[in-house]
Amino acid sequence: MQPDIDRLVLLHLATLCGEPVEALDLDMPMAAFDLDSFDAVELSLAIEKAHAIEIDPEVFLGHGQSLGSLLDMLRSFRFRGERGQ
């Protein structure tokens, strides 16, 4: 079972891409999702509302990380209670 934060991010990205969640590959680079700044802010606010974690929207805009590494990072913030930057 996936942590709630994973489900939230995967569902959001799947909705943006018009694909089922199962079609998303964790090795896929975040840049492949072609998120714009509005998408990134929207996802950041959804995470903040659901999990009380402040995430800089910039982390969703690629920068060479994969979807899997992004989810790992978000989980680590959740468990340490840190602010994501």
N, C-alpha and C. Protein backbone atom coordinates (compact mmCIF):
# COMPACT_ATOMS: atom_id res chain seq x y z
N MET A 1 0.84 -1.19 0.00
CA MET A 1 0.00 0.00 0.00
C MET A 1 0.89 1.25 0.00
N GLN A 2 0.53 2.21 -0.80
CA GLN A 2 1.31 3.44 -0.91
C GLN A 2 0.94 4.40 0.22
N PRO A 3 1.95 5.15 0.69
CA PRO A 3 1.62 6.21 1.65
C PRO A 3 0.65 7.20 1.02
N ASP A 4 -0.13 7.87 1.85
CA ASP A 4 -1.12 8.84 1.36
C ASP A 4 -0.50 9.92 0.49
N ILE A 5 0.69 10.37 0.86
CA ILE A 5 1.32 11.44 0.09
C ILE A 5 1.66 10.96 -1.32
N ASP A 6 2.07 9.69 -1.45
CA ASP A 6 2.33 9.13 -2.77
C ASP A 6 1.06 9.12 -3.60
N ARG A 7 -0.03 8.65 -3.01
CA ARG A 7 -1.31 8.59 -3.73
C ARG A 7 -1.75 9.97 -4.20
N LEU A 8 -1.59 10.97 -3.34
CA LEU A 8 -1.99 12.32 -3.71
C LEU A 8 -1.20 12.81 -4.92
N VAL A 9 0.12 12.66 -4.88
CA VAL A 9 0.98 13.13 -5.98
C VAL A 9 0.69 12.34 -7.25
N LEU A 10 0.60 11.02 -7.14
CA LEU A 10 0.36 10.18 -8.32
C LEU A 10 -0.99 10.50 -8.96
N LEU A 11 -2.01 10.66 -8.14
CA LEU A 11 -3.34 10.98 -8.67
C LEU A 11 -3.33 12.34 -9.36
N HIS A 12 -2.67 13.30 -8.76
CA HIS A 12 -2.59 14.64 -9.35
C HIS A 12 -1.88 14.58 -10.71
N LEU A 13 -0.73 13.90 -10.76
CA LEU A 13 0.02 13.81 -12.01
C LEU A 13 -0.75 13.02 -13.07
N ALA A 14 -1.40 11.94 -12.66
CA ALA A 14 -2.18 11.14 -13.60
C ALA A 14 -3.32 11.97 -14.20
N THR A 15 -3.96 12.75 -13.37
CA THR A 15 -5.05 13.62 -13.85
C THR A 15 -4.53 14.63 -14.86
N LEU A 16 -3.38 15.24 -14.55
CA LEU A 16 -2.79 16.21 -15.49
C LEU A 16 -2.42 15.57 -16.82
N CYS A 17 -1.92 14.33 -16.75
CA CYS A 17 -1.46 13.63 -17.97
C CYS A 17 -2.58 12.93 -18.72
N GLY A 18 -3.73 12.76 -18.06
CA GLY A 18 -4.81 12.02 -18.69
C GLY A 18 -4.52 10.53 -18.77
N GLU A 19 -3.72 10.04 -17.84
CA GLU A 19 -3.34 8.62 -17.80
C GLU A 19 -3.80 8.01 -16.48
N PRO A 20 -3.99 6.69 -16.44
CA PRO A 20 -4.28 6.06 -15.15
C PRO A 20 -3.02 6.08 -14.28
N VAL A 21 -3.22 6.09 -12.98
CA VAL A 21 -2.09 6.10 -12.04
C VAL A 21 -1.13 4.95 -12.33
N GLU A 22 -1.68 3.79 -12.68
CA GLU A 22 -0.86 2.60 -12.93
C GLU A 22 0.10 2.79 -14.10
N ALA A 23 -0.19 3.73 -14.98
CA ALA A 23 0.67 3.96 -16.15
C ALA A 23 1.89 4.83 -15.83
N LEU A 24 1.90 5.46 -14.65
CA LEU A 24 3.03 6.32 -14.28
C LEU A 24 4.21 5.46 -13.87
N ASP A 25 5.37 5.79 -14.39
CA ASP A 25 6.61 5.06 -14.12
C ASP A 25 7.44 5.86 -13.12
N LEU A 26 7.80 5.24 -12.00
CA LEU A 26 8.57 5.95 -10.98
C LEU A 26 9.94 6.37 -11.45
N ASP A 27 10.45 5.75 -12.51
CA ASP A 27 11.75 6.13 -13.06
C ASP A 27 11.65 7.31 -14.04
N MET A 28 10.44 7.71 -14.34
CA MET A 28 10.21 8.80 -15.28
C MET A 28 10.73 10.11 -14.70
N PRO A 29 11.45 10.90 -15.49
CA PRO A 29 11.90 12.20 -14.98
C PRO A 29 10.71 13.14 -14.78
N MET A 30 10.77 13.94 -13.74
CA MET A 30 9.68 14.89 -13.48
C MET A 30 9.46 15.83 -14.66
N ALA A 31 10.52 16.15 -15.37
CA ALA A 31 10.40 17.05 -16.53
C ALA A 31 9.46 16.48 -17.59
N ALA A 32 9.31 15.16 -17.64
CA ALA A 32 8.45 14.52 -18.64
C ALA A 32 6.97 14.85 -18.40
N PHE A 33 6.63 15.25 -17.19
CA PHE A 33 5.24 15.59 -16.90
C PHE A 33 4.89 17.00 -17.39
N ASP A 34 5.90 17.76 -17.77
CA ASP A 34 5.71 19.09 -18.36
C ASP A 34 4.81 19.99 -17.50
N LEU A 35 5.07 19.98 -16.19
CA LEU A 35 4.29 20.82 -15.29
C LEU A 35 4.67 22.28 -15.49
N ASP A 36 3.69 23.16 -15.43
CA ASP A 36 4.01 24.58 -15.43
C ASP A 36 3.96 25.08 -13.99
N SER A 37 4.25 26.34 -13.79
CA SER A 37 4.31 26.87 -12.42
C SER A 37 2.95 26.79 -11.72
N PHE A 38 1.88 26.96 -12.46
CA PHE A 38 0.54 26.84 -11.86
C PHE A 38 0.31 25.42 -11.35
N ASP A 39 0.66 24.41 -12.17
CA ASP A 39 0.51 23.02 -11.75
C ASP A 39 1.32 22.74 -10.49
N ALA A 40 2.55 23.27 -10.45
CA ALA A 40 3.43 23.05 -9.31
C ALA A 40 2.87 23.68 -8.04
N VAL A 41 2.34 24.89 -8.15
CA VAL A 41 1.75 25.56 -6.99
C VAL A 41 0.51 24.80 -6.53
N GLU A 42 -0.30 24.36 -7.46
CA GLU A 42 -1.51 23.61 -7.13
C GLU A 42 -1.17 22.32 -6.37
N LEU A 43 -0.17 21.59 -6.84
CA LEU A 43 0.25 20.36 -6.18
C LEU A 43 0.84 20.65 -4.81
N SER A 44 1.65 21.68 -4.72
CA SER A 44 2.24 22.08 -3.44
C SER A 44 1.15 22.42 -2.41
N LEU A 45 0.15 23.16 -2.83
CA LEU A 45 -0.95 23.53 -1.92
C LEU A 45 -1.78 22.31 -1.52
N ALA A 46 -1.98 21.38 -2.43
CA ALA A 46 -2.72 20.16 -2.10
C ALA A 46 -1.98 19.35 -1.03
N ILE A 47 -0.66 19.26 -1.16
CA ILE A 47 0.14 18.54 -0.17
C ILE A 47 0.10 19.27 1.17
N GLU A 48 0.24 20.58 1.13
CA GLU A 48 0.20 21.36 2.37
C GLU A 48 -1.14 21.18 3.08
N LYS A 49 -2.22 21.23 2.33
CA LYS A 49 -3.55 21.08 2.92
C LYS A 49 -3.77 19.68 3.50
N ALA A 50 -3.36 18.66 2.77
CA ALA A 50 -3.61 17.28 3.19
C ALA A 50 -2.64 16.77 4.25
N HIS A 51 -1.40 17.27 4.22
CA HIS A 51 -0.36 16.69 5.07
C HIS A 51 0.38 17.69 5.95
N ALA A 52 -0.01 18.95 5.90
CA ALA A 52 0.63 20.00 6.70
C ALA A 52 2.14 20.05 6.47
N ILE A 53 2.54 19.89 5.21
CA ILE A 53 3.95 19.99 4.82
C ILE A 53 4.05 21.12 3.81
N GLU A 54 4.91 22.09 4.08
CA GLU A 54 5.13 23.17 3.12
C GLU A 54 6.22 22.74 2.15
N ILE A 55 5.87 22.68 0.88
CA ILE A 55 6.80 22.27 -0.17
C ILE A 55 6.95 23.42 -1.16
N ASP A 56 8.18 23.77 -1.46
CA ASP A 56 8.44 24.78 -2.48
C ASP A 56 7.98 24.22 -3.82
N PRO A 57 7.07 24.88 -4.52
CA PRO A 57 6.56 24.36 -5.80
C PRO A 57 7.66 24.06 -6.81
N GLU A 58 8.79 24.71 -6.68
CA GLU A 58 9.91 24.52 -7.60
C GLU A 58 10.37 23.05 -7.67
N VAL A 59 10.17 22.29 -6.58
CA VAL A 59 10.64 20.90 -6.57
C VAL A 59 9.90 20.03 -7.59
N PHE A 60 8.73 20.46 -8.02
CA PHE A 60 7.94 19.68 -8.97
C PHE A 60 8.28 19.97 -10.43
N LEU A 61 9.15 20.92 -10.66
CA LEU A 61 9.40 21.38 -12.03
C LEU A 61 10.59 20.70 -12.69
N GLY A 62 10.95 19.54 -12.22
CA GLY A 62 11.99 18.78 -12.91
C GLY A 62 13.31 18.78 -12.20
N HIS A 63 14.27 19.51 -12.74
CA HIS A 63 15.61 19.60 -12.17
C HIS A 63 16.29 18.25 -12.08
N GLY A 64 16.00 17.37 -13.02
CA GLY A 64 16.72 16.11 -13.14
C GLY A 64 16.28 14.98 -12.23
N GLN A 65 15.30 15.20 -11.38
CA GLN A 65 14.90 14.11 -10.49
C GLN A 65 13.77 13.29 -11.11
N SER A 66 13.71 12.05 -10.69
CA SER A 66 12.66 11.15 -11.16
C SER A 66 11.43 11.29 -10.26
N LEU A 67 10.33 10.75 -10.72
CA LEU A 67 9.11 10.72 -9.91
C LEU A 67 9.38 9.96 -8.62
N GLY A 68 10.07 8.83 -8.71
CA GLY A 68 10.37 8.03 -7.52
C GLY A 68 11.21 8.79 -6.51
N SER A 69 12.23 9.51 -6.98
CA SER A 69 13.07 10.26 -6.04
C SER A 69 12.30 11.42 -5.41
N LEU A 70 11.39 12.01 -6.17
CA LEU A 70 10.54 13.06 -5.61
C LEU A 70 9.67 12.49 -4.49
N LEU A 71 9.05 11.34 -4.73
CA LEU A 71 8.20 10.72 -3.70
C LEU A 71 9.02 10.36 -2.46
N ASP A 72 10.23 9.85 -2.66
CA ASP A 72 11.11 9.55 -1.52
C ASP A 72 11.37 10.80 -0.70
N MET A 73 11.67 11.90 -1.38
CA MET A 73 11.95 13.15 -0.70
C MET A 73 10.73 13.63 0.09
N LEU A 74 9.56 13.57 -0.53
CA LEU A 74 8.34 14.03 0.15
C LEU A 74 8.05 13.18 1.38
N ARG A 75 8.26 11.86 1.28
CA ARG A 75 8.06 10.99 2.44
C ARG A 75 9.02 11.34 3.57
N SER A 76 10.26 11.66 3.22
CA SER A 76 11.24 11.99 4.26
C SER A 76 10.85 13.28 4.98
N PHE A 77 10.31 14.27 4.26
CA PHE A 77 9.85 15.49 4.91
C PHE A 77 8.68 15.18 5.83
N ARG A 78 7.80 14.32 5.38
CA ARG A 78 6.62 13.98 6.18
C ARG A 78 7.02 13.35 7.50
N PHE A 79 7.95 12.42 7.46
CA PHE A 79 8.31 11.70 8.67
C PHE A 79 9.22 12.51 9.59
N ARG A 80 9.94 13.47 9.03
CA ARG A 80 10.82 14.30 9.86
C ARG A 80 10.15 15.60 10.24
N GLY A 81 8.99 15.88 9.68
CA GLY A 81 8.29 17.11 9.99
C GLY A 81 9.00 18.36 9.50
N GLU A 82 9.77 18.21 8.43
CA GLU A 82 10.53 19.33 7.91
C GLU A 82 9.75 20.09 6.86
N ARG A 83 10.30 21.21 6.53
CA ARG A 83 9.76 22.03 5.46
C ARG A 83 10.55 21.72 4.20
N GLY A 84 9.88 21.36 3.12
CA GLY A 84 10.55 20.99 1.88
C GLY A 84 10.95 22.19 1.06
N GLN A 85 12.24 22.23 0.70
CA GLN A 85 12.71 23.35 -0.10
C GLN A 85 13.53 22.87 -1.24
